[in-house]
Structure formats: structure tokens, C-alpha cells
Amino acid sequence: MRGLLTLLFSIVFMTSSAQLRSSVTSDSAVFTLNDMQEIVLMNHPIVKQAGLLSKEANAKVLQALGGFDPAISASFGRKIFGGTEYYNHWDSELKVPLWLAGADL
């Protein structure tokens, strides 16, 4: 049993030291701090969320300004019963909202 444990530990030690030597001698590109910062700023979910806040604010401003657009509306009502025409009602309007405290033209 003791011999088996000694053999196991020696195999683990030799493979770990071989991996350590091979990682030191290999030619690999250096991962700089600027590279990491660029990757984080492009892909991190919180950074993407912060970018969406300005888009959401612009959309809310555009929606609020849309309330000051002119609007045309029309409606028509008619009642005919038993061959008798009771009424025809036509209602049309043009609303032009003003910036002055909700006054309409």
C-alpha cells in the first residue's frame, strides 16, 4: 500500500513539474491589461446595460415629444331602423397641441 502511494505521488509530481517547465518555455502572446479592459468593455453585461440606459432615455424623450404632434381624427355614426333613417353624425377634428400648458388650437 505504501509503495502504491509513493508511486502515485511521484507520478503526480513528475507530470506537474513537466507541465510547469513546458508553460515557461512556450512562446505565447502576452495578455495585457489594455486587452483585458477592451474585452471587458465590449462584452460585460453590466457595461452593455449601462449603454442601454442612454438609448432608453432617448426613446422616452422621443415618445414625450410625440405628444406634441398634430393629430387628425374623424368618426361617423348612423342609425337606420326599419327603413327609416334616424340620424347621420359626422365628427372630424384637427388637434394641434401647443407647448403652452396644454392649450390646443
PDB file of N, CA and C in Angstrom:
ATOM      1  N   MET A   1       0.810  -1.182   0.000  1.00  0.00           N
ATOM      2  CA  MET A   1       0.000   0.000   0.000  1.00  0.00           C
ATOM      3  C   MET A   1       0.859   1.253   0.000  1.00  0.00           C
ATOM      4  N   ARG A   2       1.921   1.234   0.853  1.00  0.00           N
ATOM      5  CA  ARG A   2       2.805   2.384   0.936  1.00  0.00           C
ATOM      6  C   ARG A   2       3.544   2.587  -0.378  1.00  0.00           C
ATOM      7  N   GLY A   3       3.930   1.524  -1.002  1.00  0.00           N
ATOM      8  CA  GLY A   3       4.619   1.607  -2.287  1.00  0.00           C
ATOM      9  C   GLY A   3       3.715   2.174  -3.375  1.00  0.00           C
ATOM     10  N   LEU A   4       2.447   1.814  -3.334  1.00  0.00           N
ATOM     11  CA  LEU A   4       1.479   2.322  -4.308  1.00  0.00           C
ATOM     12  C   LEU A   4       1.282   3.829  -4.146  1.00  0.00           C
ATOM     13  N   LEU A   5       1.182   4.297  -2.892  1.00  0.00           N
ATOM     14  CA  LEU A   5       1.041   5.734  -2.640  1.00  0.00           C
ATOM     15  C   LEU A   5       2.287   6.499  -3.085  1.00  0.00           C
ATOM     16  N   THR A   6       3.469   5.936  -2.814  1.00  0.00           N
ATOM     17  CA  THR A   6       4.711   6.584  -3.233  1.00  0.00           C
ATOM     18  C   THR A   6       4.773   6.678  -4.744  1.00  0.00           C
ATOM     19  N   LEU A   7       4.396   5.625  -5.432  1.00  0.00           N
ATOM     20  CA  LEU A   7       4.385   5.629  -6.892  1.00  0.00           C
ATOM     21  C   LEU A   7       3.391   6.662  -7.426  1.00  0.00           C
ATOM     22  N   LEU A   8       2.207   6.744  -6.822  1.00  0.00           N
ATOM     23  CA  LEU A   8       1.189   7.696  -7.250  1.00  0.00           C
ATOM     24  C   LEU A   8       1.669   9.136  -7.059  1.00  0.00           C
ATOM     25  N   PHE A   9       2.236   9.451  -5.889  1.00  0.00           N
ATOM     26  CA  PHE A   9       2.731  10.805  -5.646  1.00  0.00           C
ATOM     27  C   PHE A   9       3.885  11.173  -6.565  1.00  0.00           C
ATOM     28  N   SER A  10       4.758  10.231  -6.866  1.00  0.00           N
ATOM     29  CA  SER A  10       5.878  10.528  -7.766  1.00  0.00           C
ATOM     30  C   SER A  10       5.378  10.795  -9.188  1.00  0.00           C
ATOM     31  N   ILE A  11       4.368  10.065  -9.639  1.00  0.00           N
ATOM     32  CA  ILE A  11       3.814  10.303 -10.979  1.00  0.00           C
ATOM     33  C   ILE A  11       3.161  11.674 -11.043  1.00  0.00           C
ATOM     34  N   VAL A  12       2.390  12.024 -10.010  1.00  0.00           N
ATOM     35  CA  VAL A  12       1.743  13.340  -9.973  1.00  0.00           C
ATOM     36  C   VAL A  12       2.796  14.437  -9.943  1.00  0.00           C
ATOM     37  N   PHE A  13       3.846  14.280  -9.158  1.00  0.00           N
ATOM     38  CA  PHE A  13       4.897  15.290  -9.066  1.00  0.00           C
ATOM     39  C   PHE A  13       5.613  15.460 -10.400  1.00  0.00           C
ATOM     40  N   MET A  14       5.926  14.368 -11.082  1.00  0.00           N
ATOM     41  CA  MET A  14       6.645  14.464 -12.357  1.00  0.00           C
ATOM     42  C   MET A  14       5.783  15.126 -13.430  1.00  0.00           C
ATOM     43  N   THR A  15       4.504  14.801 -13.484  1.00  0.00           N
ATOM     44  CA  THR A  15       3.656  15.408 -14.514  1.00  0.00           C
ATOM     45  C   THR A  15       3.425  16.887 -14.234  1.00  0.00           C
ATOM     46  N   SER A  16       3.297  17.259 -12.976  1.00  0.00           N
ATOM     47  CA  SER A  16       3.082  18.677 -12.679  1.00  0.00           C
ATOM     48  C   SER A  16       4.342  19.484 -12.953  1.00  0.00           C
ATOM     49  N   SER A  17       5.517  18.934 -12.661  1.00  0.00           N
ATOM     50  CA  SER A  17       6.749  19.671 -12.948  1.00  0.00           C
ATOM     51  C   SER A  17       6.990  19.741 -14.452  1.00  0.00           C
ATOM     52  N   ALA A  18       6.581  18.725 -15.205  1.00  0.00           N
ATOM     53  CA  ALA A  18       6.730  18.758 -16.664  1.00  0.00           C
ATOM     54  C   ALA A  18       5.804  19.808 -17.258  1.00  0.00           C
ATOM     55  N   GLN A  19       4.609  19.939 -16.733  1.00  0.00           N
ATOM     56  CA  GLN A  19       3.689  20.961 -17.220  1.00  0.00           C
ATOM     57  C   GLN A  19       4.207  22.351 -16.891  1.00  0.00           C
ATOM     58  N   LEU A  20       4.820  22.510 -15.734  1.00  0.00           N
ATOM     59  CA  LEU A  20       5.355  23.805 -15.339  1.00  0.00           C
ATOM     60  C   LEU A  20       6.491  24.215 -16.263  1.00  0.00           C
ATOM     61  N   ARG A  21       7.398  23.311 -16.590  1.00  0.00           N
ATOM     62  CA  ARG A  21       8.506  23.630 -17.483  1.00  0.00           C
ATOM     63  C   ARG A  21       8.025  23.945 -18.888  1.00  0.00           C
ATOM     64  N   SER A  22       7.028  23.213 -19.386  1.00  0.00           N
ATOM     65  CA  SER A  22       6.560  23.444 -20.746  1.00  0.00           C
ATOM     66  C   SER A  22       5.822  24.780 -20.854  1.00  0.00           C
ATOM     67  N   SER A  23       5.149  25.224 -19.798  1.00  0.00           N
ATOM     68  CA  SER A  23       4.445  26.502 -19.871  1.00  0.00           C
ATOM     69  C   SER A  23       5.416  27.669 -19.801  1.00  0.00           C
ATOM     70  N   VAL A  24       6.545  27.514 -19.160  1.00  0.00           N
ATOM     71  CA  VAL A  24       7.528  28.593 -19.070  1.00  0.00           C
ATOM     72  C   VAL A  24       8.263  28.755 -20.388  1.00  0.00           C
ATOM     73  N   THR A  25       8.560  27.688 -21.069  1.00  0.00           N
ATOM     74  CA  THR A  25       9.370  27.757 -22.278  1.00  0.00           C
ATOM     75  C   THR A  25       8.564  28.029 -23.539  1.00  0.00           C
ATOM     76  N   SER A  26       7.248  27.973 -23.481  1.00  0.00           N
ATOM     77  CA  SER A  26       6.469  28.152 -24.707  1.00  0.00           C
ATOM     78  C   SER A  26       6.398  29.626 -25.094  1.00  0.00           C
ATOM     79  N   ASP A  27       6.375  29.867 -26.407  1.00  0.00           N
ATOM     80  CA  ASP A  27       6.207  31.224 -26.920  1.00  0.00           C
ATOM     81  C   ASP A  27       4.716  31.499 -27.066  1.00  0.00           C
ATOM     82  N   SER A  28       4.224  32.423 -26.282  1.00  0.00           N
ATOM     83  CA  SER A  28       2.813  32.780 -26.369  1.00  0.00           C
ATOM     84  C   SER A  28       2.682  34.290 -26.260  1.00  0.00           C
ATOM     85  N   ALA A  29       1.581  34.796 -26.795  1.00  0.00           N
ATOM     86  CA  ALA A  29       1.338  36.232 -26.750  1.00  0.00           C
ATOM     87  C   ALA A  29       0.995  36.642 -25.319  1.00  0.00           C
ATOM     88  N   VAL A  30       1.415  37.834 -24.976  1.00  0.00           N
ATOM     89  CA  VAL A  30       1.170  38.346 -23.633  1.00  0.00           C
ATOM     90  C   VAL A  30      -0.202  39.021 -23.617  1.00  0.00           C
ATOM     91  N   PHE A  31      -0.986  38.691 -22.639  1.00  0.00           N
ATOM     92  CA  PHE A  31      -2.324  39.268 -22.460  1.00  0.00           C
ATOM     93  C   PHE A  31      -2.173  40.505 -21.581  1.00  0.00           C
ATOM     94  N   THR A  32      -2.251  41.678 -22.203  1.00  0.00           N
ATOM     95  CA  THR A  32      -2.003  42.912 -21.464  1.00  0.00           C
ATOM     96  C   THR A  32      -3.260  43.397 -20.760  1.00  0.00           C
ATOM     97  N   LEU A  33      -3.063  44.360 -19.889  1.00  0.00           N
ATOM     98  CA  LEU A  33      -4.178  44.943 -19.151  1.00  0.00           C
ATOM     99  C   LEU A  33      -5.117  45.695 -20.086  1.00  0.00           C
ATOM    100  N   ASN A  34      -4.565  46.358 -21.089  1.00  0.00           N
ATOM    101  CA  ASN A  34      -5.409  47.081 -22.053  1.00  0.00           C
ATOM    102  C   ASN A  34      -6.278  46.120 -22.866  1.00  0.00           C
ATOM    103  N   ASP A  35      -5.718  44.956 -23.221  1.00  0.00           N
ATOM    104  CA  ASP A  35      -6.509  43.947 -23.937  1.00  0.00           C
ATOM    105  C   ASP A  35      -7.677  43.461 -23.079  1.00  0.00           C
ATOM    106  N   MET A  36      -7.383  43.193 -21.805  1.00  0.00           N
ATOM    107  CA  MET A  36      -8.433  42.726 -20.915  1.00  0.00           C
ATOM    108  C   MET A  36      -9.511  43.801 -20.736  1.00  0.00           C
ATOM    109  N   GLN A  37      -9.079  45.045 -20.584  1.00  0.00           N
ATOM    110  CA  GLN A  37     -10.034  46.136 -20.400  1.00  0.00           C
ATOM    111  C   GLN A  37     -10.921  46.291 -21.635  1.00  0.00           C
ATOM    112  N   GLU A  38     -10.350  46.165 -22.808  1.00  0.00           N
ATOM    113  CA  GLU A  38     -11.121  46.271 -24.049  1.00  0.00           C
ATOM    114  C   GLU A  38     -12.150  45.143 -24.161  1.00  0.00           C
ATOM    115  N   ILE A  39     -11.755  43.930 -23.816  1.00  0.00           N
ATOM    116  CA  ILE A  39     -12.667  42.785 -23.882  1.00  0.00           C
ATOM    117  C   ILE A  39     -13.803  42.945 -22.875  1.00  0.00           C
ATOM    118  N   VAL A  40     -13.467  43.410 -21.666  1.00  0.00           N
ATOM    119  CA  VAL A  40     -14.499  43.605 -20.644  1.00  0.00           C
ATOM    120  C   VAL A  40     -15.477  44.686 -21.076  1.00  0.00           C
ATOM    121  N   LEU A  41     -14.981  45.799 -21.604  1.00  0.00           N
ATOM    122  CA  LEU A  41     -15.863  46.887 -22.021  1.00  0.00           C
ATOM    123  C   LEU A  41     -16.745  46.493 -23.197  1.00  0.00           C
ATOM    124  N   MET A  42     -16.303  45.555 -24.015  1.00  0.00           N
ATOM    125  CA  MET A  42     -17.111  45.120 -25.152  1.00  0.00           C
ATOM    126  C   MET A  42     -18.138  44.055 -24.764  1.00  0.00           C
ATOM    127  N   ASN A  43     -17.837  43.208 -23.767  1.00  0.00           N
ATOM    128  CA  ASN A  43     -18.658  42.020 -23.540  1.00  0.00           C
ATOM    129  C   ASN A  43     -19.320  41.909 -22.174  1.00  0.00           C
ATOM    130  N   HIS A  44     -18.986  42.751 -21.218  1.00  0.00           N
ATOM    131  CA  HIS A  44     -19.544  42.595 -19.872  1.00  0.00           C
ATOM    132  C   HIS A  44     -21.011  43.019 -19.849  1.00  0.00           C
ATOM    133  N   PRO A  45     -21.890  42.227 -19.231  1.00  0.00           N
ATOM    134  CA  PRO A  45     -23.325  42.536 -19.260  1.00  0.00           C
ATOM    135  C   PRO A  45     -23.686  43.852 -18.579  1.00  0.00           C
ATOM    136  N   ILE A  46     -22.995  44.218 -17.519  1.00  0.00           N
ATOM    137  CA  ILE A  46     -23.318  45.476 -16.831  1.00  0.00           C
ATOM    138  C   ILE A  46     -22.926  46.664 -17.690  1.00  0.00           C
ATOM    139  N   VAL A  47     -21.834  46.557 -18.416  1.00  0.00           N
ATOM    140  CA  VAL A  47     -21.433  47.640 -19.321  1.00  0.00           C
ATOM    141  C   VAL A  47     -22.451  47.772 -20.450  1.00  0.00           C
ATOM    142  N   LYS A  48     -22.929  46.645 -20.969  1.00  0.00           N
ATOM    143  CA  LYS A  48     -23.966  46.690 -22.013  1.00  0.00           C
ATOM    144  C   LYS A  48     -25.251  47.298 -21.468  1.00  0.00           C
ATOM    145  N   GLN A  49     -25.579  46.992 -20.211  1.00  0.00           N
ATOM    146  CA  GLN A  49     -26.769  47.551 -19.580  1.00  0.00           C
ATOM    147  C   GLN A  49     -26.650  49.063 -19.454  1.00  0.00           C
ATOM    148  N   ALA A  50     -25.482  49.552 -19.106  1.00  0.00           N
ATOM    149  CA  ALA A  50     -25.280  50.997 -18.985  1.00  0.00           C
ATOM    150  C   ALA A  50     -25.429  51.676 -20.342  1.00  0.00           C
ATOM    151  N   GLY A  51     -25.009  51.016 -21.409  1.00  0.00           N
ATOM    152  CA  GLY A  51     -25.193  51.573 -22.750  1.00  0.00           C
ATOM    153  C   GLY A  51     -26.655  51.637 -23.142  1.00  0.00           C
ATOM    154  N   LEU A  52     -27.456  50.705 -22.632  1.00  0.00           N
ATOM    155  CA  LEU A  52     -28.885  50.708 -22.944  1.00  0.00           C
ATOM    156  C   LEU A  52     -29.631  51.821 -22.222  1.00  0.00           C
ATOM    157  N   LEU A  53     -29.084  52.317 -21.109  1.00  0.00           N
ATOM    158  CA  LEU A  53     -29.759  53.384 -20.369  1.00  0.00           C
ATOM    159  C   LEU A  53     -29.878  54.649 -21.202  1.00  0.00           C
ATOM    160  N   SER A  54     -28.827  55.000 -21.934  1.00  0.00           N
ATOM    161  CA  SER A  54     -28.904  56.206 -22.763  1.00  0.00           C
ATOM    162  C   SER A  54     -29.869  56.007 -23.930  1.00  0.00           C
ATOM    163  N   LYS A  55     -29.914  54.808 -24.488  1.00  0.00           N
ATOM    164  CA  LYS A  55     -30.874  54.538 -25.564  1.00  0.00           C
ATOM    165  C   LYS A  55     -32.305  54.611 -25.038  1.00  0.00           C
ATOM    166  N   GLU A  56     -32.520  54.117 -23.825  1.00  0.00           N
ATOM    167  CA  GLU A  56     -33.856  54.166 -23.230  1.00  0.00           C
ATOM    168  C   GLU A  56     -34.264  55.608 -22.960  1.00  0.00           C
ATOM    169  N   ALA A  57     -33.328  56.426 -22.486  1.00  0.00           N
ATOM    170  CA  ALA A  57     -33.637  57.834 -22.225  1.00  0.00           C
ATOM    171  C   ALA A  57     -33.980  58.562 -23.517  1.00  0.00           C
ATOM    172  N   ASN A  58     -33.241  58.287 -24.588  1.00  0.00           N
ATOM    173  CA  ASN A  58     -33.552  58.913 -25.884  1.00  0.00           C
ATOM    174  C   ASN A  58     -34.929  58.491 -26.384  1.00  0.00           C
ATOM    175  N   ALA A  59     -35.293  57.235 -26.172  1.00  0.00           N
ATOM    176  CA  ALA A  59     -36.611  56.760 -26.602  1.00  0.00           C
ATOM    177  C   ALA A  59     -37.724  57.438 -25.808  1.00  0.00           C
ATOM    178  N   LYS A  60     -37.511  57.652 -24.511  1.00  0.00           N
ATOM    179  CA  LYS A  60     -38.521  58.323 -23.695  1.00  0.00           C
ATOM    180  C   LYS A  60     -38.692  59.780 -24.111  1.00  0.00           C
ATOM    181  N   VAL A  61     -37.593  60.453 -24.444  1.00  0.00           N
ATOM    182  CA  VAL A  61     -37.682  61.842 -24.913  1.00  0.00           C
ATOM    183  C   VAL A  61     -38.439  61.895 -26.230  1.00  0.00           C
ATOM    184  N   LEU A  62     -38.145  60.980 -27.136  1.00  0.00           N
ATOM    185  CA  LEU A  62     -38.837  60.941 -28.424  1.00  0.00           C
ATOM    186  C   LEU A  62     -40.330  60.671 -28.235  1.00  0.00           C
ATOM    187  N   GLN A  63     -40.664  59.786 -27.300  1.00  0.00           N
ATOM    188  CA  GLN A  63     -42.064  59.489 -27.024  1.00  0.00           C
ATOM    189  C   GLN A  63     -42.770  60.708 -26.433  1.00  0.00           C
ATOM    190  N   ALA A  64     -42.100  61.437 -25.560  1.00  0.00           N
ATOM    191  CA  ALA A  64     -42.708  62.626 -24.965  1.00  0.00           C
ATOM    192  C   ALA A  64     -42.920  63.716 -26.007  1.00  0.00           C
ATOM    193  N   LEU A  65     -41.970  63.869 -26.916  1.00  0.00           N
ATOM    194  CA  LEU A  65     -42.124  64.874 -27.970  1.00  0.00           C
ATOM    195  C   LEU A  65     -43.221  64.488 -28.952  1.00  0.00           C
ATOM    196  N   GLY A  66     -43.506  63.206 -29.078  1.00  0.00           N
ATOM    197  CA  GLY A  66     -44.580  62.754 -29.961  1.00  0.00           C
ATOM    198  C   GLY A  66     -45.950  63.206 -29.492  1.00  0.00           C
ATOM    199  N   GLY A  67     -46.064  63.560 -28.218  1.00  0.00           N
ATOM    200  CA  GLY A  67     -47.325  64.073 -27.708  1.00  0.00           C
ATOM    201  C   GLY A  67     -47.668  65.445 -28.247  1.00  0.00           C
ATOM    202  N   PHE A  68     -46.707  66.132 -28.848  1.00  0.00           N
ATOM    203  CA  PHE A  68     -46.933  67.465 -29.407  1.00  0.00           C
ATOM    204  C   PHE A  68     -47.122  67.439 -30.922  1.00  0.00           C
ATOM    205  N   ASP A  69     -47.272  66.256 -31.489  1.00  0.00           N
ATOM    206  CA  ASP A  69     -47.540  66.145 -32.922  1.00  0.00           C
ATOM    207  C   ASP A  69     -49.011  66.442 -33.199  1.00  0.00           C
ATOM    208  N   PRO A  70     -49.310  67.063 -34.345  1.00  0.00           N
ATOM    209  CA  PRO A  70     -50.716  67.285 -34.703  1.00  0.00           C
ATOM    210  C   PRO A  70     -51.426  65.953 -34.946  1.00  0.00           C
ATOM    211  N   ALA A  71     -52.718  65.934 -34.656  1.00  0.00           N
ATOM    212  CA  ALA A  71     -53.495  64.704 -34.826  1.00  0.00           C
ATOM    213  C   ALA A  71     -54.793  65.014 -35.554  1.00  0.00           C
ATOM    214  N   ILE A  72     -55.135  64.172 -36.519  1.00  0.00           N
ATOM    215  CA  ILE A  72     -56.389  64.281 -37.262  1.00  0.00           C
ATOM    216  C   ILE A  72     -57.234  63.072 -36.879  1.00  0.00           C
ATOM    217  N   SER A  73     -58.496  63.324 -36.553  1.00  0.00           N
ATOM    218  CA  SER A  73     -59.383  62.204 -36.243  1.00  0.00           C
ATOM    219  C   SER A  73     -60.765  62.487 -36.816  1.00  0.00           C
ATOM    220  N   ALA A  74     -61.483  61.418 -37.103  1.00  0.00           N
ATOM    221  CA  ALA A  74     -62.840  61.538 -37.642  1.00  0.00           C
ATOM    222  C   ALA A  74     -63.651  60.347 -37.163  1.00  0.00           C
ATOM    223  N   SER A  75     -64.948  60.575 -37.013  1.00  0.00           N
ATOM    224  CA  SER A  75     -65.847  59.485 -36.653  1.00  0.00           C
ATOM    225  C   SER A  75     -67.184  59.702 -37.350  1.00  0.00           C
ATOM    226  N   PHE A  76     -67.854  58.604 -37.601  1.00  0.00           N
ATOM    227  CA  PHE A  76     -69.131  58.670 -38.304  1.00  0.00           C
ATOM    228  C   PHE A  76     -70.102  57.732 -37.610  1.00  0.00           C
ATOM    229  N   GLY A  77     -71.293  58.237 -37.321  1.00  0.00           N
ATOM    230  CA  GLY A  77     -72.320  57.409 -36.710  1.00  0.00           C
ATOM    231  C   GLY A  77     -73.623  57.543 -37.489  1.00  0.00           C
ATOM    232  N   ARG A  78     -74.305  56.415 -37.665  1.00  0.00           N
ATOM    233  CA  ARG A  78     -75.537  56.428 -38.453  1.00  0.00           C
ATOM    234  C   ARG A  78     -76.496  55.399 -37.872  1.00  0.00           C
ATOM    235  N   LYS A  79     -77.776  55.787 -37.833  1.00  0.00           N
ATOM    236  CA  LYS A  79     -78.766  54.836 -37.348  1.00  0.00           C
ATOM    237  C   LYS A  79     -79.905  54.745 -38.352  1.00  0.00           C
ATOM    238  N   ILE A  80     -80.106  53.533 -38.845  1.00  0.00           N
ATOM    239  CA  ILE A  80     -81.226  53.245 -39.740  1.00  0.00           C
ATOM    240  C   ILE A  80     -81.964  52.063 -39.132  1.00  0.00           C
ATOM    241  N   PHE A  81     -83.273  52.244 -38.935  1.00  0.00           N
ATOM    242  CA  PHE A  81     -84.062  51.166 -38.355  1.00  0.00           C
ATOM    243  C   PHE A  81     -85.398  51.084 -39.089  1.00  0.00           C
ATOM    244  N   GLY A  82     -85.679  49.933 -39.610  1.00  0.00           N
ATOM    245  CA  GLY A  82     -86.950  49.716 -40.301  1.00  0.00           C
ATOM    246  C   GLY A  82     -87.114  50.587 -41.531  1.00  0.00           C
ATOM    247  N   GLY A  83     -86.023  50.842 -42.247  1.00  0.00           N
ATOM    248  CA  GLY A  83     -86.095  51.664 -43.443  1.00  0.00           C
ATOM    249  C   GLY A  83     -86.147  53.156 -43.150  1.00  0.00           C
ATOM    250  N   THR A  84     -86.153  53.535 -41.884  1.00  0.00           N
ATOM    251  CA  THR A  84     -86.188  54.948 -41.512  1.00  0.00           C
ATOM    252  C   THR A  84     -84.803  55.366 -41.035  1.00  0.00           C
ATOM    253  N   GLU A  85     -84.305  56.444 -41.582  1.00  0.00           N
ATOM    254  CA  GLU A  85     -83.002  56.964 -41.171  1.00  0.00           C
ATOM    255  C   GLU A  85     -83.219  57.913 -40.000  1.00  0.00           C
ATOM    256  N   TYR A  86     -82.652  57.549 -38.853  1.00  0.00           N
ATOM    257  CA  TYR A  86     -82.851  58.364 -37.656  1.00  0.00           C
ATOM    258  C   TYR A  86     -81.820  59.484 -37.561  1.00  0.00           C
ATOM    259  N   TYR A  87     -80.549  59.159 -37.817  1.00  0.00           N
ATOM    260  CA  TYR A  87     -79.543  60.231 -37.802  1.00  0.00           C
ATOM    261  C   TYR A  87     -78.297  59.815 -38.568  1.00  0.00           C
ATOM    262  N   ASN A  88     -77.574  60.814 -39.033  1.00  0.00           N
ATOM    263  CA  ASN A  88     -76.220  60.714 -39.573  1.00  0.00           C
ATOM    264  C   ASN A  88     -75.375  61.703 -38.781  1.00  0.00           C
ATOM    265  N   HIS A  89     -74.334  61.224 -38.190  1.00  0.00           N
ATOM    266  CA  HIS A  89     -73.492  62.114 -37.380  1.00  0.00           C
ATOM    267  C   HIS A  89     -72.043  61.986 -37.853  1.00  0.00           C
ATOM    268  N   TRP A  90     -71.480  63.059 -38.335  1.00  0.00           N
ATOM    269  CA  TRP A  90     -70.104  63.103 -38.807  1.00  0.00           C
ATOM    270  C   TRP A  90     -69.334  64.049 -37.906  1.00  0.00           C
ATOM    271  N   ASP A  91     -68.246  63.574 -37.318  1.00  0.00           N
ATOM    272  CA  ASP A  91     -67.440  64.399 -36.413  1.00  0.00           C
ATOM    273  C   ASP A  91     -65.986  64.281 -36.843  1.00  0.00           C
ATOM    274  N   SER A  92     -65.374  65.401 -37.174  1.00  0.00           N
ATOM    275  CA  SER A  92     -63.957  65.395 -37.552  1.00  0.00           C
ATOM    276  C   SER A  92     -63.260  66.530 -36.814  1.00  0.00           C
ATOM    277  N   GLU A  93     -61.967  66.302 -36.519  1.00  0.00           N
ATOM    278  CA  GLU A  93     -61.229  67.334 -35.792  1.00  0.00           C
ATOM    279  C   GLU A  93     -59.748  67.254 -36.122  1.00  0.00           C
ATOM    280  N   LEU A  94     -59.106  68.394 -35.966  1.00  0.00           N
ATOM    281  CA  LEU A  94     -57.658  68.519 -36.108  1.00  0.00           C
ATOM    282  C   LEU A  94     -57.149  69.113 -34.810  1.00  0.00           C
ATOM    283  N   LYS A  95     -56.285  68.380 -34.112  1.00  0.00           N
ATOM    284  CA  LYS A  95     -55.718  68.867 -32.857  1.00  0.00           C
ATOM    285  C   LYS A  95     -54.263  69.235 -33.096  1.00  0.00           C
ATOM    286  N   VAL A  96     -53.920  70.462 -32.724  1.00  0.00           N
ATOM    287  CA  VAL A  96     -52.539  70.928 -32.799  1.00  0.00           C
ATOM    288  C   VAL A  96     -52.139  71.346 -31.388  1.00  0.00           C
ATOM    289  N   PRO A  97     -51.500  70.475 -30.632  1.00  0.00           N
ATOM    290  CA  PRO A  97     -51.123  70.820 -29.261  1.00  0.00           C
ATOM    291  C   PRO A  97     -50.045  71.900 -29.246  1.00  0.00           C
ATOM    292  N   LEU A  98     -50.120  72.774 -28.273  1.00  0.00           N
ATOM    293  CA  LEU A  98     -49.129  73.830 -28.094  1.00  0.00           C
ATOM    294  C   LEU A  98     -48.261  73.504 -26.889  1.00  0.00           C
ATOM    295  N   TRP A  99     -47.106  74.128 -26.829  1.00  0.00           N
ATOM    296  CA  TRP A  99     -46.195  73.931 -25.718  1.00  0.00           C
ATOM    297  C   TRP A  99     -46.690  74.687 -24.481  1.00  0.00           C
ATOM    298  N   LEU A 100     -47.694  75.545 -24.626  1.00  0.00           N
ATOM    299  CA  LEU A 100     -48.147  76.392 -23.532  1.00  0.00           C
ATOM    300  C   LEU A 100     -49.149  75.660 -22.654  1.00  0.00           C
ATOM    301  N   ALA A 101     -48.720  74.963 -21.677  1.00  0.00           N
ATOM    302  CA  ALA A 101     -49.549  74.355 -20.630  1.00  0.00           C
ATOM    303  C   ALA A 101     -50.771  73.614 -21.162  1.00  0.00           C
ATOM    304  N   GLY A 102     -50.642  72.885 -22.242  1.00  0.00           N
ATOM    305  CA  GLY A 102     -51.722  72.048 -22.735  1.00  0.00           C
ATOM    306  C   GLY A 102     -52.793  72.767 -23.518  1.00  0.00           C
ATOM    307  N   ALA A 103     -52.549  74.001 -23.954  1.00  0.00           N
ATOM    308  CA  ALA A 103     -53.550  74.719 -24.744  1.00  0.00           C
ATOM    309  C   ALA A 103     -53.609  74.126 -26.138  1.00  0.00           C
ATOM    310  N   ASP A 104     -54.802  73.974 -26.682  1.00  0.00           N
ATOM    311  CA  ASP A 104     -55.000  73.435 -28.028  1.00  0.00           C
ATOM    312  C   ASP A 104     -55.531  74.522 -28.941  1.00  0.00           C
ATOM    313  N   LEU A 105     -55.197  74.417 -30.222  1.00  0.00           N
ATOM    314  CA  LEU A 105     -55.760  75.330 -31.221  1.00  0.00           C
ATOM    315  C   LEU A 105     -57.065  74.788 -31.729  1.00  0.00           C
TER     316      LEU A 105
END
